[in-house]
Amino acid sequence: MLDSVPSATASLLLDLYQSLRQLQLAGPADLADLGLAPERPLDLERRIPVAWLLRLWQLAAERGAPADIGLSLGQQRGLRSSGPVASLAAMSSTLGEALELFSRHSQVMSECENLRVEHQDERVRICFLFTAPLADHAPACEYSLSSALCWGRQMSGVRLQPLRVGFRHAPLAGLASYRQVFGCPLRFGEPLDYIEIAAADLGLPLLGGNDYLKGLLLQRVSAMQEQLPSRHSLRQRVVQLIELGLIDGAFTVEAVARRLRTSRQTLHRHLREEGCSFSELLAEVRREHSLRRLRQADCRVEQLSRELGFAEPSAFYKAFKSWFGVSPKAYQERRSP
C-alpha cells in the first residue's frame, strides 16, 4: 500500500492523536476508521500514510479546533514523542549535532518533511520544507516549527530564544499566540518556513547525551531510512525532489540529478525504465501544486507562476489551460463561494 504514497512513522500519528484526544478533538473511533485497533498498542516504527495525519487534522478542524491548534500542540509535544528520530537526536552531545541528525533522517519521521540548515554568519536558519500532501497545510506546519523549538528547549534545558521565525502562510491566529510560543520577530508570506537561531546556540550541550545509545539508535534509524518506500521507486524520489526544488529553485533535471548523485543521462534512462520521463513528472508536480494553491483564498496567480518556476505568467496560463481546459483565474472563480 505504501509503495506509491508518502509515509510517516506511526509514532507521529500517535503523538497527534493523543494530543487531539486530550482536547476531545479525536477518539478511538477515528483510529478504527483508519483501520487501526484502538485497544492494541501501536507499533511506533510502523509506516503509515501521511494522509492519515491530515485526516486527524481535518477532523479536529471540523470539531472546532482553535486557530492556534498547531502552535499549542507543538508546545505540548516535545520529548514526549517516542519516535526513533526524536530519540536519536536526544542522545546527541550538542544541539548542533541533534539538528544535523534531524536534518539527515527527517524523512524517517515523515517523507513529507525535510529539514535544511543554512549557516549565515552568526545566524543559523533551519528551513522546514514540506512536500505533498503535507505542503500548504498551515496548522501542520505550525505544529512542526513549534515542536522543533520545544524539543530544542527540552533537550538542552535552556529556553532557546529564536532570532526570527518565518511562515509561508498568513497568520492563522492572533499575533499574541505566535509571540507566546516564539518570543521573537515574526514574518508571514515568506518563501520558506524557518526558524533562525544564533550560531552559538549550536554548541549548547544536551542533557541526555549518550554516545553508546546514540550509536545503537543511529544504526536502527539508518536501516529504517534505507527501507523507506521512496527508496524503492526512482519515480517517487524524483517527484519529491522536484517538489523540494520548487521551494528552493533547484527543480531542473540537472539539479535533481545532482541531488541523486547521478548524471542527467543516467537519470533519464532509469526513468524510462520505470515508464515515465522527467518532463512528465515536472508537469505532474506543477499541476498538483497549482490546484492546491488555487484552492487557497489568498493565492495570487502571478505569485503562483513564480512558485512553479515559469519565466512569465503567460507561460503558466498557457500550461494550466492545456492541463485543465480553463485559465487559472477561471478555475479560482469557479471554486469561489
Protein backbone atom coordinates (compact mmCIF):
# COMPACT_ATOMS: atom_id res chain seq x y z
CA MET A 1 0.00 0.00 0.00
CA LEU A 2 2.77 2.45 0.88
CA ASP A 3 4.85 1.86 -2.26
CA SER A 4 3.17 4.79 -4.03
CA VAL A 5 2.16 7.18 -1.23
CA PRO A 6 4.30 9.25 1.18
CA SER A 7 4.63 7.63 4.58
CA ALA A 8 5.43 8.54 8.18
CA THR A 9 6.19 6.60 11.34
CA ALA A 10 3.20 5.57 13.43
CA SER A 11 4.76 7.42 16.38
CA LEU A 12 3.92 10.69 14.60
CA LEU A 13 0.30 9.61 14.26
CA LEU A 14 0.14 8.54 17.90
CA ASP A 15 1.59 11.86 19.12
CA LEU A 16 -1.00 13.83 17.20
CA TYR A 17 -3.87 11.54 18.16
CA GLN A 18 -3.08 11.63 21.88
CA SER A 19 -2.83 15.43 21.87
CA LEU A 20 -6.12 15.82 20.00
CA ARG A 21 -7.83 13.30 22.24
CA GLN A 22 -6.91 15.32 25.33
CA LEU A 23 -8.78 18.22 23.73
CA GLN A 24 -11.70 15.91 22.83
CA LEU A 25 -11.00 16.52 19.16
CA ALA A 26 -10.26 12.86 18.36
CA GLY A 27 -11.28 9.49 19.75
CA PRO A 28 -10.87 5.71 19.35
CA ALA A 29 -13.44 5.60 16.56
CA ASP A 30 -11.15 7.78 14.45
CA LEU A 31 -8.33 5.24 14.75
CA ALA A 32 -10.76 2.46 13.91
CA ASP A 33 -11.81 4.34 10.77
CA LEU A 34 -8.14 4.30 9.71
CA GLY A 35 -8.04 0.53 10.12
CA LEU A 36 -6.20 0.60 13.46
CA ALA A 37 -7.29 -1.25 16.58
CA PRO A 38 -7.56 1.39 19.37
CA GLU A 39 -7.28 -1.22 22.11
CA ARG A 40 -3.95 -2.59 20.84
CA PRO A 41 -0.52 -0.97 21.31
CA LEU A 42 0.64 0.67 18.09
CA ASP A 43 3.98 -0.37 16.59
CA LEU A 44 5.72 3.02 16.72
CA GLU A 45 8.06 2.17 13.83
CA ARG A 46 5.27 1.06 11.51
CA ARG A 47 4.91 3.09 8.31
CA ILE A 48 1.53 4.77 7.85
CA PRO A 49 0.28 7.08 5.06
CA VAL A 50 0.87 10.78 5.72
CA ALA A 51 -2.75 11.20 4.59
CA TRP A 52 -3.82 9.65 7.90
CA LEU A 53 -2.25 12.57 9.75
CA LEU A 54 -4.11 15.01 7.54
CA ARG A 55 -7.33 13.14 8.27
CA LEU A 56 -6.87 13.77 12.00
CA TRP A 57 -6.17 17.45 11.34
CA GLN A 58 -9.30 17.65 9.19
CA LEU A 59 -11.45 16.02 11.86
CA ALA A 60 -10.07 18.39 14.51
CA ALA A 61 -10.95 21.39 12.32
CA GLU A 62 -14.47 20.07 11.75
CA ARG A 63 -14.89 19.69 15.52
CA GLY A 64 -13.99 23.27 16.30
CA ALA A 65 -10.23 23.23 16.86
CA PRO A 66 -8.90 26.68 17.84
CA ALA A 67 -6.98 28.70 15.27
CA ASP A 68 -3.68 28.23 17.13
CA ILE A 69 -4.06 24.44 17.44
CA GLY A 70 -0.74 23.68 15.70
CA LEU A 71 1.23 26.09 17.88
CA SER A 72 -0.27 24.87 21.14
CA LEU A 73 0.03 21.15 20.38
CA GLY A 74 3.66 21.60 19.35
CA GLN A 75 4.46 23.05 22.77
CA GLN A 76 2.83 20.07 24.48
CA ARG A 77 4.67 17.55 22.34
CA GLY A 78 8.39 17.96 22.94
CA LEU A 79 10.26 14.91 24.20
CA ARG A 80 7.05 13.08 24.98
CA SER A 81 7.50 11.82 21.43
CA SER A 82 8.89 8.31 21.48
CA GLY A 83 9.67 8.24 17.78
CA PRO A 84 13.03 6.87 16.63
CA VAL A 85 14.38 10.14 15.18
CA ALA A 86 13.49 12.19 18.26
CA SER A 87 15.05 9.55 20.49
CA LEU A 88 18.23 9.56 18.39
CA ALA A 89 18.54 13.34 18.47
CA ALA A 90 18.09 13.37 22.25
CA MET A 91 21.22 11.21 22.61
CA SER A 92 23.40 13.83 20.87
CA SER A 93 26.18 15.71 22.64
CA THR A 94 25.20 19.18 21.41
CA LEU A 95 22.22 20.94 19.90
CA GLY A 96 24.13 21.26 16.63
CA GLU A 97 24.65 17.51 16.43
CA ALA A 98 20.97 16.88 17.20
CA LEU A 99 19.98 19.28 14.43
CA GLU A 100 22.31 17.55 11.98
CA LEU A 101 20.79 14.16 12.81
CA PHE A 102 17.26 15.53 12.45
CA SER A 103 18.20 17.02 9.09
CA ARG A 104 19.77 13.79 7.84
CA HIS A 105 16.97 11.48 8.98
CA SER A 106 13.85 13.65 8.99
CA GLN A 107 12.24 11.54 6.26
CA VAL A 108 12.19 8.55 8.62
CA MET A 109 9.79 10.58 10.73
CA SER A 110 7.83 11.78 7.69
CA GLU A 111 8.64 11.56 4.00
CA CYS A 112 6.84 14.89 3.56
CA GLU A 113 9.02 16.86 6.00
CA ASN A 114 12.58 17.80 5.17
CA LEU A 115 14.99 19.97 7.14
CA ARG A 116 17.71 22.12 5.63
CA VAL A 117 20.22 24.01 7.77
CA GLU A 118 21.71 27.22 6.36
CA HIS A 119 24.61 28.97 8.09
CA GLN A 120 24.55 32.76 7.76
CA ASP A 121 27.45 34.39 9.64
CA GLU A 122 26.33 34.48 13.28
CA ARG A 123 22.89 33.07 12.48
CA VAL A 124 21.61 29.63 11.55
CA ARG A 125 18.40 29.28 9.57
CA ILE A 126 16.54 25.98 9.97
CA CYS A 127 14.32 25.61 6.90
CA PHE A 128 11.28 23.32 7.04
CA LEU A 129 10.46 22.01 3.56
CA PHE A 130 7.07 20.34 3.25
CA THR A 131 6.03 18.27 0.24
CA ALA A 132 2.66 16.89 -0.88
CA PRO A 133 0.27 16.03 0.62
CA LEU A 134 1.53 17.99 3.65
CA ALA A 135 2.55 21.03 1.60
CA ASP A 136 0.43 24.13 2.23
CA HIS A 137 -1.21 22.67 5.34
CA ALA A 138 -0.64 25.60 7.68
CA PRO A 139 -1.66 24.01 11.05
CA ALA A 140 0.66 21.04 10.45
CA CYS A 141 3.46 23.45 9.53
CA GLU A 142 2.98 25.44 12.73
CA TYR A 143 2.90 22.16 14.68
CA SER A 144 6.29 21.18 13.26
CA LEU A 145 8.00 24.51 13.96
CA SER A 146 6.51 24.75 17.45
CA SER A 147 7.52 21.13 18.20
CA ALA A 148 11.08 21.70 16.99
CA LEU A 149 11.54 24.67 19.31
CA CYS A 150 10.04 22.74 22.21
CA TRP A 151 12.38 19.81 21.53
CA GLY A 152 15.40 22.09 21.47
CA ARG A 153 14.45 23.69 24.77
CA GLN A 154 13.80 20.39 26.50
CA MET A 155 16.89 18.64 25.18
CA SER A 156 19.20 21.49 26.19
CA GLY A 157 17.45 22.60 29.37
CA VAL A 158 17.76 26.17 28.05
CA ARG A 159 14.87 28.35 26.97
CA LEU A 160 16.13 28.89 23.43
CA GLN A 161 15.18 32.26 22.00
CA PRO A 162 14.86 32.32 18.21
CA LEU A 163 16.08 35.42 16.43
CA ARG A 164 13.33 35.26 13.82
CA VAL A 165 10.60 32.90 12.61
CA GLY A 166 9.05 32.91 9.16
CA PHE A 167 5.96 31.26 7.69
CA ARG A 168 4.83 30.97 4.10
CA HIS A 169 1.17 31.34 5.07
CA ALA A 170 -0.76 34.24 6.59
CA PRO A 171 -1.38 34.22 10.36
CA LEU A 172 -3.96 31.67 11.46
CA ALA A 173 -4.41 33.18 14.91
CA GLY A 174 -3.73 36.45 16.70
CA LEU A 175 -0.09 37.53 16.78
CA ALA A 176 -0.08 37.14 20.57
CA SER A 177 -0.30 33.35 20.14
CA TYR A 178 2.83 33.35 17.98
CA ARG A 179 4.74 35.66 20.30
CA GLN A 180 3.90 33.48 23.28
CA VAL A 181 5.48 30.45 21.60
CA PHE A 182 8.42 32.01 19.78
CA GLY A 183 9.03 35.31 21.57
CA CYS A 184 10.77 36.89 18.56
CA PRO A 185 10.02 38.90 15.40
CA LEU A 186 7.70 37.02 13.03
CA ARG A 187 7.32 37.23 9.27
CA PHE A 188 4.45 35.85 7.21
CA GLY A 189 4.23 35.32 3.45
CA GLU A 190 7.88 34.24 3.35
CA PRO A 191 9.29 31.98 0.57
CA LEU A 192 10.16 29.33 3.20
CA ASP A 193 9.05 28.24 6.65
CA TYR A 194 12.01 28.70 9.00
CA ILE A 195 13.39 29.30 12.47
CA GLU A 196 16.55 31.37 12.87
CA ILE A 197 18.75 30.92 15.94
CA ALA A 198 22.15 32.24 16.99
CA ALA A 199 25.02 30.14 15.65
CA ALA A 200 26.43 29.99 19.20
CA ASP A 201 23.34 28.01 20.29
CA LEU A 202 24.55 25.03 18.25
CA GLY A 203 27.22 24.43 20.88
CA LEU A 204 24.73 24.02 23.73
CA PRO A 205 25.24 20.64 25.46
CA LEU A 206 22.26 18.29 25.68
CA LEU A 207 21.07 16.86 28.97
CA GLY A 208 20.68 13.28 27.70
CA GLY A 209 23.79 12.91 25.55
CA ASN A 210 24.90 9.28 25.35
CA ASP A 211 27.34 8.18 22.64
CA TYR A 212 26.73 4.46 23.16
CA LEU A 213 22.92 4.66 22.86
CA LYS A 214 23.26 7.16 20.04
CA GLY A 215 25.35 4.66 18.07
CA LEU A 216 22.75 1.91 18.53
CA LEU A 217 19.86 4.18 17.60
CA LEU A 218 21.75 5.53 14.59
CA GLN A 219 22.13 2.01 13.20
CA ARG A 220 18.41 1.42 13.64
CA VAL A 221 17.32 4.72 12.11
CA SER A 222 19.72 4.33 9.17
CA ALA A 223 18.28 0.89 8.48
CA MET A 224 14.75 2.33 8.60
CA GLN A 225 15.76 5.05 6.16
CA GLU A 226 17.02 2.52 3.65
CA GLN A 227 13.63 0.78 3.78
CA LEU A 228 11.55 3.89 3.09
CA PRO A 229 9.04 3.36 0.28
CA SER A 230 10.53 6.27 -1.68
CA ARG A 231 13.90 4.49 -1.75
CA HIS A 232 12.32 1.69 -3.81
CA SER A 233 11.00 3.93 -6.59
CA LEU A 234 13.12 6.38 -8.54
CA ARG A 235 9.94 7.97 -9.82
CA GLN A 236 8.78 8.78 -6.30
CA ARG A 237 12.18 10.12 -5.29
CA VAL A 238 12.29 12.39 -8.34
CA VAL A 239 8.78 13.69 -7.60
CA GLN A 240 9.85 14.54 -4.03
CA LEU A 241 13.00 16.28 -5.25
CA ILE A 242 11.04 18.32 -7.79
CA GLU A 243 8.63 19.38 -5.02
CA LEU A 244 11.57 20.44 -2.86
CA GLY A 245 13.13 22.15 -5.85
CA LEU A 246 10.04 24.29 -6.38
CA ILE A 247 10.68 25.64 -2.88
CA ASP A 248 14.37 26.43 -3.31
CA GLY A 249 14.56 26.91 -7.07
CA ALA A 250 16.54 23.72 -7.82
CA PHE A 251 13.95 21.76 -9.81
CA THR A 252 15.69 21.29 -13.17
CA VAL A 253 16.74 17.85 -14.36
CA GLU A 254 20.38 18.83 -13.76
CA ALA A 255 19.65 19.88 -10.15
CA VAL A 256 17.67 16.71 -9.41
CA ALA A 257 20.41 14.54 -10.94
CA ARG A 258 23.00 16.24 -8.71
CA ARG A 259 20.91 15.55 -5.61
CA LEU A 260 20.66 11.91 -6.66
CA ARG A 261 24.42 11.87 -7.33
CA THR A 262 23.97 10.66 -10.87
CA SER A 263 24.23 12.07 -14.38
CA ARG A 264 21.41 13.60 -16.36
CA GLN A 265 21.66 10.85 -18.96
CA THR A 266 21.54 8.08 -16.34
CA LEU A 267 18.53 9.69 -14.67
CA HIS A 268 16.67 9.89 -17.99
CA ARG A 269 17.49 6.25 -18.73
CA HIS A 270 16.30 4.94 -15.37
CA LEU A 271 13.08 6.96 -15.55
CA ARG A 272 12.37 5.48 -18.99
CA GLU A 273 12.79 2.04 -17.42
CA GLU A 274 10.05 2.98 -14.93
CA GLY A 275 7.81 4.14 -17.78
CA CYS A 276 7.99 7.91 -17.28
CA SER A 277 10.08 10.97 -18.10
CA PHE A 278 11.38 13.93 -16.13
CA SER A 279 9.23 16.40 -18.07
CA GLU A 280 6.12 14.33 -17.30
CA LEU A 281 6.93 14.29 -13.58
CA LEU A 282 7.66 18.02 -13.53
CA ALA A 283 4.29 18.70 -15.18
CA GLU A 284 2.57 16.36 -12.70
CA VAL A 285 4.04 18.18 -9.70
CA ARG A 286 3.19 21.57 -11.18
CA ARG A 287 -0.41 20.50 -11.86
CA GLU A 288 -0.98 19.21 -8.32
CA HIS A 289 0.74 22.20 -6.71
CA SER A 290 -1.26 24.68 -8.77
CA LEU A 291 -4.58 23.07 -7.79
CA ARG A 292 -3.66 23.05 -4.09
CA ARG A 293 -2.62 26.69 -4.13
CA LEU A 294 -5.57 27.93 -6.20
CA ARG A 295 -7.94 26.47 -3.60
CA GLN A 296 -6.48 28.94 -1.11
CA ALA A 297 -8.29 32.26 -0.95
CA ASP A 298 -5.10 34.32 -0.72
CA CYS A 299 -3.41 32.75 -3.75
CA ARG A 300 -2.32 35.20 -6.45
CA VAL A 301 -1.82 33.74 -9.91
CA GLU A 302 1.29 35.79 -10.65
CA GLN A 303 2.93 34.62 -7.42
CA LEU A 304 1.92 31.03 -8.13
CA SER A 305 3.53 31.28 -11.57
CA ARG A 306 6.84 32.20 -9.91
CA GLU A 307 6.46 29.39 -7.35
CA LEU A 308 6.12 26.88 -10.17
CA GLY A 309 9.24 28.15 -11.93
CA PHE A 310 7.63 29.68 -15.00
CA ALA A 311 9.60 32.53 -16.54
CA GLU A 312 6.44 34.50 -17.35
CA PRO A 313 2.83 34.35 -16.07
CA SER A 314 1.70 33.90 -19.67
CA ALA A 315 3.60 30.59 -19.85
CA PHE A 316 1.81 29.40 -16.71
CA TYR A 317 -1.59 30.47 -18.11
CA LYS A 318 -0.91 28.51 -21.29
CA ALA A 319 0.25 25.40 -19.40
CA PHE A 320 -2.68 25.50 -16.96
CA LYS A 321 -5.23 25.79 -19.76
CA SER A 322 -3.63 22.83 -21.55
CA TRP A 323 -3.92 20.78 -18.33
CA PHE A 324 -7.45 21.65 -17.25
CA GLY A 325 -9.16 23.41 -20.16
CA VAL A 326 -9.68 26.67 -18.28
CA SER A 327 -7.48 29.55 -17.18
CA PRO A 328 -6.20 29.79 -13.57
CA LYS A 329 -8.46 32.83 -12.98
CA ALA A 330 -11.50 30.97 -14.28
CA TYR A 331 -10.67 28.00 -12.04
CA GLN A 332 -10.45 30.30 -9.00
CA GLU A 333 -13.77 31.96 -9.84
CA ARG A 334 -15.44 28.58 -10.34
CA ARG A 335 -14.37 27.48 -6.85
CA SER A 336 -15.34 30.75 -5.16
CA PRO A 337 -18.47 30.56 -2.98
